[in-house]
């Protein structure tokens, strides 16, 4: 008759009453942390103002609407606080070309701002130490919106005034100087 070599060792108990409450405590802590992380993620994705992220501009629809690639996600962003002429208006194509040369395929930072919920998210685009929003205004290719209330808007209004005085872009001649850049003639 053959003896079982493992019979000499006692069999461990199936349930260790002393360790079980510790396991439940760790599960509760893990569940609470997971729930807290989920809540933070939901609120961070909801588009709160002054949130920012880094990405690369992969498409320029017009002078004021960009598609940004950020961590395997595409974001359609409208420039905050400015109005750029439409593609069918004078200087619309110039604004798109200017935006393309400044940001296309370039790493940039998007600082989201509050905007109307029915429109795409809007933001300030920072690239190489300056903002695309300010550059368009300074070149006379955009007008500062009257509803722009952020502190940076005052700087943009000063840039717009300077572009008007120098008769740049929209302010160059009577034909391209509408009261609103998107206003049809």
N, C-alpha and C. Protein backbone atom coordinates (compact mmCIF):
# COMPACT_ATOMS: atom_id res chain seq x y z
N UNK A 1 0.83 -1.17 0.00
CA UNK A 1 0.00 0.00 0.00
C UNK A 1 0.88 1.24 0.00
N UNK A 2 0.52 2.19 -0.83
CA UNK A 2 1.29 3.40 -0.97
C UNK A 2 0.71 4.49 -0.09
N UNK A 3 1.59 5.20 0.59
CA UNK A 3 1.11 6.28 1.45
C UNK A 3 1.17 7.60 0.70
N UNK A 4 0.29 8.43 1.04
CA UNK A 4 0.23 9.77 0.42
C UNK A 4 1.28 10.66 1.08
N UNK A 5 2.26 11.19 0.32
CA UNK A 5 3.30 12.02 0.94
C UNK A 5 2.77 13.35 1.45
N UNK A 6 1.65 13.81 0.95
CA UNK A 6 1.12 15.11 1.37
C UNK A 6 0.24 15.02 2.61
N UNK A 7 -0.02 13.84 3.08
CA UNK A 7 -0.86 13.67 4.24
C UNK A 7 -0.18 14.14 5.51
N UNK A 8 1.08 14.24 5.50
CA UNK A 8 1.80 14.67 6.69
C UNK A 8 1.56 16.15 6.99
N UNK A 9 1.20 16.91 5.96
CA UNK A 9 0.96 18.35 6.15
C UNK A 9 -0.52 18.60 6.39
N UNK A 10 -0.83 19.40 7.36
CA UNK A 10 -2.26 19.66 7.60
C UNK A 10 -2.83 20.53 6.48
N UNK A 11 -4.07 20.29 6.19
CA UNK A 11 -4.77 21.04 5.16
C UNK A 11 -5.11 22.42 5.71
N UNK A 12 -4.85 23.51 4.93
CA UNK A 12 -5.20 24.84 5.43
C UNK A 12 -6.71 25.00 5.49
N UNK A 13 -7.18 25.82 6.40
CA UNK A 13 -8.64 26.01 6.48
C UNK A 13 -9.13 26.73 5.23
N UNK A 14 -10.36 26.43 4.81
CA UNK A 14 -10.93 27.05 3.63
C UNK A 14 -11.25 28.53 3.85
N UNK A 15 -11.56 28.87 5.07
CA UNK A 15 -11.94 30.25 5.35
C UNK A 15 -11.17 30.72 6.56
N UNK A 16 -10.37 31.75 6.38
CA UNK A 16 -9.62 32.29 7.50
C UNK A 16 -10.40 33.48 8.04
N UNK A 17 -11.09 33.27 9.14
CA UNK A 17 -11.97 34.30 9.70
C UNK A 17 -11.21 35.56 10.09
N UNK A 18 -9.95 35.43 10.40
CA UNK A 18 -9.19 36.60 10.83
C UNK A 18 -8.83 37.51 9.65
N UNK A 19 -8.57 36.95 8.45
CA UNK A 19 -8.18 37.76 7.30
C UNK A 19 -9.36 38.30 6.51
N UNK A 20 -10.51 37.66 6.59
CA UNK A 20 -11.65 38.04 5.79
C UNK A 20 -12.11 39.48 6.03
N UNK A 21 -12.25 39.97 7.24
CA UNK A 21 -12.66 41.37 7.42
C UNK A 21 -11.65 42.36 6.83
N UNK A 22 -10.35 42.03 6.86
CA UNK A 22 -9.34 42.91 6.26
C UNK A 22 -9.54 43.01 4.75
N UNK A 23 -9.87 41.89 4.12
CA UNK A 23 -10.10 41.89 2.68
C UNK A 23 -11.31 42.77 2.36
N UNK A 24 -12.39 42.62 3.11
CA UNK A 24 -13.58 43.45 2.87
C UNK A 24 -13.27 44.93 3.05
N UNK A 25 -12.44 45.26 4.04
CA UNK A 25 -12.06 46.65 4.26
C UNK A 25 -11.32 47.21 3.04
N UNK A 26 -10.40 46.44 2.47
CA UNK A 26 -9.65 46.87 1.29
C UNK A 26 -10.56 47.02 0.07
N UNK A 27 -11.53 46.12 -0.06
CA UNK A 27 -12.48 46.20 -1.16
C UNK A 27 -13.30 47.48 -1.04
N UNK A 28 -13.75 47.80 0.17
CA UNK A 28 -14.54 49.03 0.38
C UNK A 28 -13.70 50.27 0.06
N UNK A 29 -12.45 50.29 0.48
CA UNK A 29 -11.57 51.44 0.21
C UNK A 29 -11.35 51.56 -1.30
N UNK A 30 -11.08 50.44 -1.97
CA UNK A 30 -10.87 50.45 -3.41
C UNK A 30 -12.12 50.95 -4.13
N UNK A 31 -13.30 50.51 -3.71
CA UNK A 31 -14.55 50.94 -4.33
C UNK A 31 -14.78 52.43 -4.14
N UNK A 32 -14.49 52.94 -2.96
CA UNK A 32 -14.66 54.37 -2.70
C UNK A 32 -13.71 55.20 -3.56
N UNK A 33 -12.46 54.74 -3.68
CA UNK A 33 -11.47 55.46 -4.52
C UNK A 33 -11.88 55.44 -5.98
N UNK A 34 -12.38 54.29 -6.45
CA UNK A 34 -12.82 54.17 -7.83
C UNK A 34 -14.00 55.10 -8.09
N UNK A 35 -14.94 55.17 -7.18
CA UNK A 35 -16.08 56.06 -7.33
C UNK A 35 -15.64 57.52 -7.35
N UNK A 36 -14.73 57.89 -6.48
CA UNK A 36 -14.23 59.26 -6.46
C UNK A 36 -13.52 59.61 -7.77
N UNK A 37 -12.72 58.69 -8.29
CA UNK A 37 -12.02 58.93 -9.56
C UNK A 37 -13.01 59.06 -10.70
N UNK A 38 -14.07 58.25 -10.70
CA UNK A 38 -15.09 58.33 -11.73
C UNK A 38 -15.81 59.68 -11.69
N UNK A 39 -16.13 60.17 -10.51
CA UNK A 39 -16.78 61.48 -10.38
C UNK A 39 -15.88 62.58 -10.90
N UNK A 40 -14.60 62.53 -10.56
CA UNK A 40 -13.65 63.54 -11.04
C UNK A 40 -13.57 63.50 -12.57
N UNK A 41 -13.53 62.30 -13.16
CA UNK A 41 -13.46 62.18 -14.61
C UNK A 41 -14.70 62.75 -15.28
N UNK A 42 -15.88 62.46 -14.75
CA UNK A 42 -17.12 62.96 -15.34
C UNK A 42 -17.13 64.48 -15.33
N UNK A 43 -16.74 65.10 -14.22
CA UNK A 43 -16.77 66.55 -14.16
C UNK A 43 -15.67 67.18 -14.99
N UNK A 44 -14.54 66.50 -15.17
CA UNK A 44 -13.47 67.08 -15.97
C UNK A 44 -13.80 67.00 -17.46
N UNK A 45 -14.58 66.01 -17.89
CA UNK A 45 -14.93 65.88 -19.29
C UNK A 45 -16.11 66.78 -19.64
N UNK A 46 -16.83 67.28 -18.67
CA UNK A 46 -18.04 68.04 -18.95
C UNK A 46 -17.78 69.41 -19.53
N UNK A 47 -16.52 69.82 -19.74
CA UNK A 47 -16.23 71.07 -20.41
C UNK A 47 -16.28 72.27 -19.50
N UNK A 48 -15.79 72.16 -18.30
CA UNK A 48 -15.78 73.30 -17.40
C UNK A 48 -14.80 74.34 -17.92
N UNK A 49 -15.06 75.62 -17.64
CA UNK A 49 -14.24 76.70 -18.14
C UNK A 49 -12.84 76.65 -17.54
N UNK A 50 -11.89 77.19 -18.28
CA UNK A 50 -10.49 77.32 -17.89
C UNK A 50 -9.78 75.98 -17.72
N UNK A 51 -10.34 74.95 -18.26
CA UNK A 51 -9.66 73.67 -18.34
C UNK A 51 -8.74 73.75 -19.56
N UNK A 52 -7.60 73.09 -19.51
CA UNK A 52 -6.70 73.18 -20.66
C UNK A 52 -6.12 71.81 -20.98
N UNK A 53 -5.68 71.66 -22.21
CA UNK A 53 -4.99 70.45 -22.63
C UNK A 53 -4.06 70.79 -23.79
N UNK A 54 -3.12 69.89 -24.04
CA UNK A 54 -2.15 70.07 -25.13
C UNK A 54 -2.54 69.13 -26.26
N UNK A 55 -2.31 69.59 -27.47
CA UNK A 55 -2.62 68.78 -28.63
C UNK A 55 -1.93 69.31 -29.86
N UNK A 56 -2.31 68.76 -31.02
CA UNK A 56 -1.76 69.17 -32.30
C UNK A 56 -2.92 69.51 -33.22
N UNK A 57 -2.82 70.66 -33.91
CA UNK A 57 -3.86 71.06 -34.86
C UNK A 57 -3.73 70.20 -36.11
N UNK A 58 -4.78 69.46 -36.46
CA UNK A 58 -4.73 68.58 -37.61
C UNK A 58 -5.63 69.04 -38.75
N UNK A 59 -6.52 70.00 -38.46
CA UNK A 59 -7.39 70.53 -39.52
C UNK A 59 -7.78 71.95 -39.17
N UNK A 60 -7.81 72.81 -40.18
CA UNK A 60 -8.28 74.19 -40.02
C UNK A 60 -9.49 74.32 -40.93
N UNK A 61 -10.69 74.40 -40.34
CA UNK A 61 -11.91 74.49 -41.14
C UNK A 61 -12.05 75.87 -41.77
N UNK A 62 -11.90 76.87 -40.94
CA UNK A 62 -11.89 78.26 -41.40
C UNK A 62 -10.92 78.97 -40.46
N UNK A 63 -10.90 80.27 -40.47
CA UNK A 63 -9.94 80.97 -39.63
C UNK A 63 -10.16 80.79 -38.14
N UNK A 64 -11.37 80.40 -37.73
CA UNK A 64 -11.69 80.36 -36.31
C UNK A 64 -12.09 78.99 -35.78
N UNK A 65 -12.11 77.96 -36.60
CA UNK A 65 -12.50 76.64 -36.14
C UNK A 65 -11.40 75.64 -36.49
N UNK A 66 -10.91 74.95 -35.46
CA UNK A 66 -9.79 74.03 -35.62
C UNK A 66 -10.18 72.65 -35.11
N UNK A 67 -9.53 71.64 -35.64
CA UNK A 67 -9.65 70.29 -35.10
C UNK A 67 -8.31 69.95 -34.45
N UNK A 68 -8.37 69.59 -33.17
CA UNK A 68 -7.17 69.32 -32.38
C UNK A 68 -7.12 67.84 -32.05
N UNK A 69 -5.97 67.22 -32.24
CA UNK A 69 -5.72 65.83 -31.88
C UNK A 69 -5.05 65.82 -30.52
N UNK A 70 -5.71 65.16 -29.55
CA UNK A 70 -5.18 65.12 -28.19
C UNK A 70 -5.37 63.71 -27.63
N UNK A 71 -4.29 63.02 -27.38
CA UNK A 71 -4.32 61.68 -26.79
C UNK A 71 -5.37 60.78 -27.42
N UNK A 72 -5.25 60.55 -28.71
CA UNK A 72 -6.13 59.65 -29.46
C UNK A 72 -7.56 60.15 -29.56
N UNK A 73 -7.79 61.43 -29.29
CA UNK A 73 -9.14 62.00 -29.40
C UNK A 73 -9.08 63.25 -30.25
N UNK A 74 -10.13 63.47 -31.01
CA UNK A 74 -10.24 64.68 -31.83
C UNK A 74 -11.19 65.65 -31.14
N UNK A 75 -10.80 66.93 -31.10
CA UNK A 75 -11.64 67.97 -30.53
C UNK A 75 -11.84 69.06 -31.57
N UNK A 76 -13.05 69.46 -31.77
CA UNK A 76 -13.35 70.59 -32.66
C UNK A 76 -13.48 71.81 -31.75
N UNK A 77 -12.62 72.81 -31.98
CA UNK A 77 -12.55 73.99 -31.12
C UNK A 77 -12.75 75.25 -31.95
N UNK A 78 -13.57 76.15 -31.43
CA UNK A 78 -13.77 77.46 -32.03
C UNK A 78 -12.97 78.47 -31.22
N UNK A 79 -12.38 79.45 -31.88
CA UNK A 79 -11.60 80.46 -31.17
C UNK A 79 -12.52 81.34 -30.33
N UNK A 80 -12.16 81.54 -29.09
CA UNK A 80 -12.97 82.30 -28.14
C UNK A 80 -12.79 83.80 -28.35
N UNK A 81 -13.90 84.53 -28.26
CA UNK A 81 -13.86 85.98 -28.15
C UNK A 81 -13.65 86.77 -29.42
N UNK A 82 -13.51 86.08 -30.56
CA UNK A 82 -13.29 86.80 -31.81
C UNK A 82 -14.21 86.27 -32.89
N UNK A 83 -14.45 87.11 -33.89
CA UNK A 83 -15.22 86.72 -35.06
C UNK A 83 -14.32 86.87 -36.27
N UNK A 84 -14.23 85.81 -37.04
CA UNK A 84 -13.41 85.78 -38.24
C UNK A 84 -14.35 85.74 -39.44
N UNK A 85 -14.03 86.43 -40.54
CA UNK A 85 -14.91 86.38 -41.71
C UNK A 85 -15.10 84.95 -42.20
N UNK A 86 -16.32 84.66 -42.70
CA UNK A 86 -16.61 83.35 -43.26
C UNK A 86 -15.81 83.13 -44.53
N UNK A 87 -15.76 81.90 -44.99
CA UNK A 87 -14.97 81.58 -46.17
C UNK A 87 -15.50 82.26 -47.43
N UNK A 88 -16.78 82.62 -47.45
CA UNK A 88 -17.36 83.29 -48.61
C UNK A 88 -17.22 84.81 -48.55
N UNK A 89 -16.65 85.34 -47.49
CA UNK A 89 -16.48 86.78 -47.30
C UNK A 89 -15.06 87.19 -47.67
N UNK A 90 -14.86 88.49 -47.97
CA UNK A 90 -13.50 88.96 -48.21
C UNK A 90 -12.63 88.68 -46.98
N UNK A 91 -11.44 88.26 -47.18
CA UNK A 91 -10.43 87.93 -46.16
C UNK A 91 -10.73 86.65 -45.38
N UNK A 92 -11.79 85.92 -45.71
CA UNK A 92 -12.07 84.65 -45.06
C UNK A 92 -10.97 83.63 -45.35
N UNK A 93 -10.58 83.54 -46.63
CA UNK A 93 -9.51 82.62 -47.02
C UNK A 93 -8.17 83.06 -46.43
N UNK A 94 -7.94 84.38 -46.35
CA UNK A 94 -6.70 84.89 -45.77
C UNK A 94 -6.60 84.52 -44.29
N UNK A 95 -7.72 84.59 -43.57
CA UNK A 95 -7.73 84.22 -42.15
C UNK A 95 -7.44 82.73 -41.99
N UNK A 96 -8.02 81.90 -42.87
CA UNK A 96 -7.76 80.46 -42.80
C UNK A 96 -6.29 80.17 -43.09
N UNK A 97 -5.73 80.81 -44.11
CA UNK A 97 -4.31 80.61 -44.45
C UNK A 97 -3.40 81.05 -43.32
N UNK A 98 -3.73 82.18 -42.70
CA UNK A 98 -2.92 82.68 -41.58
C UNK A 98 -2.96 81.68 -40.42
N UNK A 99 -4.16 81.21 -40.08
CA UNK A 99 -4.30 80.23 -39.00
C UNK A 99 -3.53 78.95 -39.33
N UNK A 100 -3.61 78.51 -40.58
CA UNK A 100 -2.92 77.29 -40.99
C UNK A 100 -1.41 77.44 -40.84
N UNK A 101 -0.86 78.56 -41.29
CA UNK A 101 0.60 78.73 -41.20
C UNK A 101 1.06 78.81 -39.75
N UNK A 102 0.22 79.31 -38.86
CA UNK A 102 0.62 79.46 -37.45
C UNK A 102 0.48 78.18 -36.64
N UNK A 103 -0.55 77.38 -36.89
CA UNK A 103 -0.82 76.26 -35.98
C UNK A 103 -0.92 74.88 -36.60
N UNK A 104 -1.05 74.75 -37.92
CA UNK A 104 -1.23 73.42 -38.51
C UNK A 104 -0.04 72.53 -38.21
N UNK A 105 -0.33 71.34 -37.72
CA UNK A 105 0.67 70.32 -37.39
C UNK A 105 1.68 70.83 -36.36
N UNK A 106 1.22 71.70 -35.47
CA UNK A 106 2.06 72.28 -34.43
C UNK A 106 1.47 71.95 -33.08
N UNK A 107 2.34 71.66 -32.10
CA UNK A 107 1.85 71.41 -30.74
C UNK A 107 1.38 72.72 -30.13
N UNK A 108 0.23 72.68 -29.51
CA UNK A 108 -0.36 73.89 -28.94
C UNK A 108 -1.11 73.55 -27.66
N UNK A 109 -1.53 74.59 -26.96
CA UNK A 109 -2.31 74.43 -25.74
C UNK A 109 -3.67 75.08 -25.96
N UNK A 110 -4.72 74.38 -25.59
CA UNK A 110 -6.08 74.90 -25.69
C UNK A 110 -6.56 75.19 -24.28
N UNK A 111 -6.95 76.44 -24.03
CA UNK A 111 -7.54 76.83 -22.74
C UNK A 111 -9.02 77.04 -22.99
N UNK A 112 -9.83 76.10 -22.53
CA UNK A 112 -11.27 76.16 -22.79
C UNK A 112 -11.91 77.32 -22.03
N UNK A 113 -12.91 77.92 -22.65
CA UNK A 113 -13.67 79.02 -22.07
C UNK A 113 -15.16 78.68 -22.13
N UNK A 114 -15.94 79.36 -21.33
CA UNK A 114 -17.39 79.15 -21.38
C UNK A 114 -17.92 79.74 -22.68
N UNK A 115 -18.78 78.97 -23.34
CA UNK A 115 -19.43 79.46 -24.55
C UNK A 115 -20.83 78.85 -24.61
N UNK A 116 -21.56 79.20 -25.64
CA UNK A 116 -22.94 78.73 -25.78
C UNK A 116 -22.97 77.21 -25.93
N UNK A 117 -23.87 76.52 -25.19
CA UNK A 117 -23.89 75.05 -25.22
C UNK A 117 -24.19 74.45 -26.59
N UNK A 118 -24.90 75.17 -27.47
CA UNK A 118 -25.24 74.60 -28.78
C UNK A 118 -24.09 74.71 -29.78
N UNK A 119 -23.04 75.44 -29.45
CA UNK A 119 -21.91 75.61 -30.35
C UNK A 119 -20.78 74.69 -29.94
N UNK A 120 -19.80 74.49 -30.84
CA UNK A 120 -18.64 73.68 -30.42
C UNK A 120 -17.90 74.37 -29.28
N UNK A 121 -17.15 73.63 -28.51
CA UNK A 121 -16.40 74.25 -27.42
C UNK A 121 -15.49 75.35 -27.96
N UNK A 122 -15.29 76.38 -27.16
CA UNK A 122 -14.42 77.46 -27.62
C UNK A 122 -13.27 77.62 -26.64
N UNK A 123 -12.18 78.19 -27.15
CA UNK A 123 -11.01 78.32 -26.30
C UNK A 123 -10.00 79.29 -26.87
N UNK A 124 -9.00 79.56 -26.06
CA UNK A 124 -7.87 80.38 -26.46
C UNK A 124 -6.76 79.40 -26.85
N UNK A 125 -6.20 79.58 -28.04
CA UNK A 125 -5.17 78.68 -28.56
C UNK A 125 -3.80 79.34 -28.34
N UNK A 126 -2.99 78.72 -27.50
CA UNK A 126 -1.63 79.21 -27.25
C UNK A 126 -0.65 78.37 -28.05
N UNK A 127 0.21 79.07 -28.78
CA UNK A 127 1.23 78.38 -29.56
C UNK A 127 2.49 79.24 -29.58
N UNK A 128 3.60 78.65 -29.22
CA UNK A 128 4.91 79.32 -29.23
C UNK A 128 4.90 80.65 -28.49
N UNK A 129 4.30 80.67 -27.31
CA UNK A 129 4.35 81.85 -26.44
C UNK A 129 3.35 82.94 -26.73
N UNK A 130 2.47 82.76 -27.69
CA UNK A 130 1.45 83.76 -27.99
C UNK A 130 0.14 83.06 -28.30
N UNK A 131 -0.94 83.81 -28.47
CA UNK A 131 -2.23 83.20 -28.77
C UNK A 131 -2.63 83.47 -30.21
N UNK A 132 -3.22 82.46 -30.83
CA UNK A 132 -3.71 82.61 -32.20
C UNK A 132 -4.80 83.66 -32.24
N UNK A 133 -5.64 83.70 -31.21
CA UNK A 133 -6.72 84.69 -31.15
C UNK A 133 -6.16 86.10 -31.30
N UNK A 134 -5.14 86.42 -30.52
CA UNK A 134 -4.54 87.77 -30.55
C UNK A 134 -3.85 88.03 -31.88
N UNK A 135 -3.19 87.03 -32.45
CA UNK A 135 -2.50 87.22 -33.72
C UNK A 135 -3.47 87.57 -34.84
N UNK A 136 -4.62 86.88 -34.88
CA UNK A 136 -5.62 87.18 -35.91
C UNK A 136 -6.15 88.60 -35.76
N UNK A 137 -6.40 89.02 -34.53
CA UNK A 137 -6.90 90.38 -34.29
C UNK A 137 -5.83 91.41 -34.68
N UNK A 138 -4.59 91.15 -34.30
CA UNK A 138 -3.50 92.10 -34.59
C UNK A 138 -3.26 92.25 -36.09
N UNK A 139 -3.53 91.20 -36.88
CA UNK A 139 -3.35 91.27 -38.33
C UNK A 139 -4.57 91.86 -39.04
N UNK A 140 -5.61 92.16 -38.27
CA UNK A 140 -6.83 92.70 -38.87
C UNK A 140 -7.67 91.64 -39.54
N UNK A 141 -7.46 90.38 -39.21
CA UNK A 141 -8.20 89.28 -39.81
C UNK A 141 -9.36 88.82 -38.93
N UNK A 142 -9.55 89.45 -37.79
CA UNK A 142 -10.64 89.10 -36.88
C UNK A 142 -11.03 90.33 -36.08
N UNK A 143 -12.25 90.29 -35.60
CA UNK A 143 -12.79 91.36 -34.78
C UNK A 143 -13.11 90.79 -33.40
N UNK A 144 -12.87 91.56 -32.34
CA UNK A 144 -13.18 91.11 -30.98
C UNK A 144 -14.69 91.19 -30.78
N UNK A 145 -15.28 90.12 -30.28
CA UNK A 145 -16.72 90.09 -30.02
C UNK A 145 -17.08 91.06 -28.90
N UNK A 146 -18.24 91.67 -29.01
CA UNK A 146 -18.70 92.58 -27.96
C UNK A 146 -18.98 91.83 -26.66
N UNK A 147 -19.28 90.53 -26.74
CA UNK A 147 -19.57 89.73 -25.55
C UNK A 147 -18.33 89.17 -24.88
N UNK A 148 -17.16 89.49 -25.37
CA UNK A 148 -15.92 88.99 -24.79
C UNK A 148 -15.66 89.73 -23.48
N UNK A 149 -15.71 89.00 -22.35
CA UNK A 149 -15.64 89.64 -21.03
C UNK A 149 -14.41 89.26 -20.21
N UNK A 150 -13.58 88.38 -20.74
CA UNK A 150 -12.38 87.96 -20.01
C UNK A 150 -11.37 89.11 -19.98
N UNK A 151 -10.45 89.10 -19.00
CA UNK A 151 -9.44 90.17 -18.94
C UNK A 151 -8.59 90.27 -20.21
N UNK A 152 -8.34 89.15 -20.88
CA UNK A 152 -7.52 89.17 -22.09
C UNK A 152 -8.22 89.92 -23.23
N UNK A 153 -9.52 90.05 -23.16
CA UNK A 153 -10.28 90.73 -24.21
C UNK A 153 -9.89 92.21 -24.31
N UNK A 154 -9.54 92.82 -23.21
CA UNK A 154 -9.12 94.22 -23.25
C UNK A 154 -7.83 94.38 -24.06
N UNK A 155 -6.92 93.42 -23.92
CA UNK A 155 -5.69 93.45 -24.73
C UNK A 155 -6.02 93.27 -26.20
N UNK A 156 -6.94 92.36 -26.49
CA UNK A 156 -7.34 92.14 -27.88
C UNK A 156 -8.01 93.38 -28.47
N UNK A 157 -8.81 94.08 -27.67
CA UNK A 157 -9.46 95.30 -28.16
C UNK A 157 -8.42 96.36 -28.49
N UNK A 158 -7.35 96.44 -27.69
CA UNK A 158 -6.27 97.38 -27.99
C UNK A 158 -5.56 96.98 -29.29
N UNK A 159 -5.36 95.67 -29.51
CA UNK A 159 -4.76 95.20 -30.76
C UNK A 159 -5.67 95.51 -31.95
N UNK A 160 -6.97 95.35 -31.75
CA UNK A 160 -7.93 95.66 -32.83
C UNK A 160 -7.87 97.15 -33.17
N UNK A 161 -7.82 97.99 -32.14
CA UNK A 161 -7.74 99.44 -32.37
C UNK A 161 -6.48 99.80 -33.15
N UNK A 162 -5.38 99.16 -32.81
CA UNK A 162 -4.12 99.41 -33.51
C UNK A 162 -4.22 98.96 -34.98
N UNK A 163 -4.84 97.80 -35.23
CA UNK A 163 -5.03 97.32 -36.60
C UNK A 163 -5.93 98.27 -37.39
N UNK A 164 -6.95 98.84 -36.73
CA UNK A 164 -7.81 99.83 -37.40
C UNK A 164 -7.02 101.07 -37.78
N UNK A 165 -6.19 101.54 -36.86
CA UNK A 165 -5.39 102.73 -37.14
C UNK A 165 -4.41 102.49 -38.28
N UNK A 166 -3.85 101.30 -38.34
CA UNK A 166 -2.89 100.97 -39.41
C UNK A 166 -3.59 100.50 -40.68
N UNK A 167 -4.94 100.40 -40.63
CA UNK A 167 -5.76 99.95 -41.76
C UNK A 167 -5.30 98.59 -42.29
N UNK A 168 -5.21 97.65 -41.37
CA UNK A 168 -4.82 96.28 -41.71
C UNK A 168 -6.05 95.41 -41.93
N UNK A 169 -5.95 94.47 -42.85
CA UNK A 169 -6.98 93.44 -43.05
C UNK A 169 -8.38 93.99 -43.25
N UNK A 170 -9.26 93.67 -42.31
CA UNK A 170 -10.66 94.09 -42.38
C UNK A 170 -10.81 95.60 -42.44
N UNK A 171 -9.85 96.31 -41.91
CA UNK A 171 -9.94 97.76 -41.79
C UNK A 171 -9.22 98.48 -42.93
N UNK A 172 -8.80 97.75 -43.97
CA UNK A 172 -8.00 98.33 -45.05
C UNK A 172 -8.80 99.27 -45.94
N UNK A 173 -9.97 98.88 -46.35
CA UNK A 173 -10.76 99.75 -47.24
C UNK A 173 -12.24 99.54 -46.97
N UNK A 174 -13.02 100.39 -47.56
CA UNK A 174 -14.46 100.40 -47.32
C UNK A 174 -15.12 99.08 -47.72
N UNK A 175 -14.64 98.42 -48.81
CA UNK A 175 -15.27 97.18 -49.27
C UNK A 175 -15.11 96.03 -48.29
N UNK A 176 -14.00 96.00 -47.59
CA UNK A 176 -13.78 94.89 -46.66
C UNK A 176 -13.99 95.29 -45.21
N UNK A 177 -14.61 96.44 -44.97
CA UNK A 177 -14.79 96.90 -43.61
C UNK A 177 -16.27 96.84 -43.20
N UNK A 178 -16.82 95.65 -42.99
CA UNK A 178 -18.20 95.56 -42.53
C UNK A 178 -18.29 95.91 -41.04
N UNK A 179 -19.50 96.17 -40.58
CA UNK A 179 -19.66 96.42 -39.15
C UNK A 179 -19.41 95.15 -38.35
N UNK A 180 -19.74 94.00 -38.97
CA UNK A 180 -19.42 92.70 -38.38
C UNK A 180 -18.77 91.86 -39.49
N UNK A 181 -17.64 91.18 -39.19
CA UNK A 181 -16.97 90.41 -40.24
C UNK A 181 -17.83 89.32 -40.88
N UNK A 182 -18.82 88.80 -40.16
CA UNK A 182 -19.64 87.73 -40.73
C UNK A 182 -20.92 88.27 -41.36
N UNK A 183 -21.10 89.57 -41.38
CA UNK A 183 -22.31 90.19 -41.90
C UNK A 183 -22.30 90.13 -43.43
N UNK A 184 -23.38 89.60 -44.04
CA UNK A 184 -23.41 89.55 -45.52
C UNK A 184 -23.61 90.94 -46.09
N UNK A 185 -23.11 91.15 -47.31
CA UNK A 185 -23.30 92.43 -48.01
C UNK A 185 -24.35 92.29 -49.06
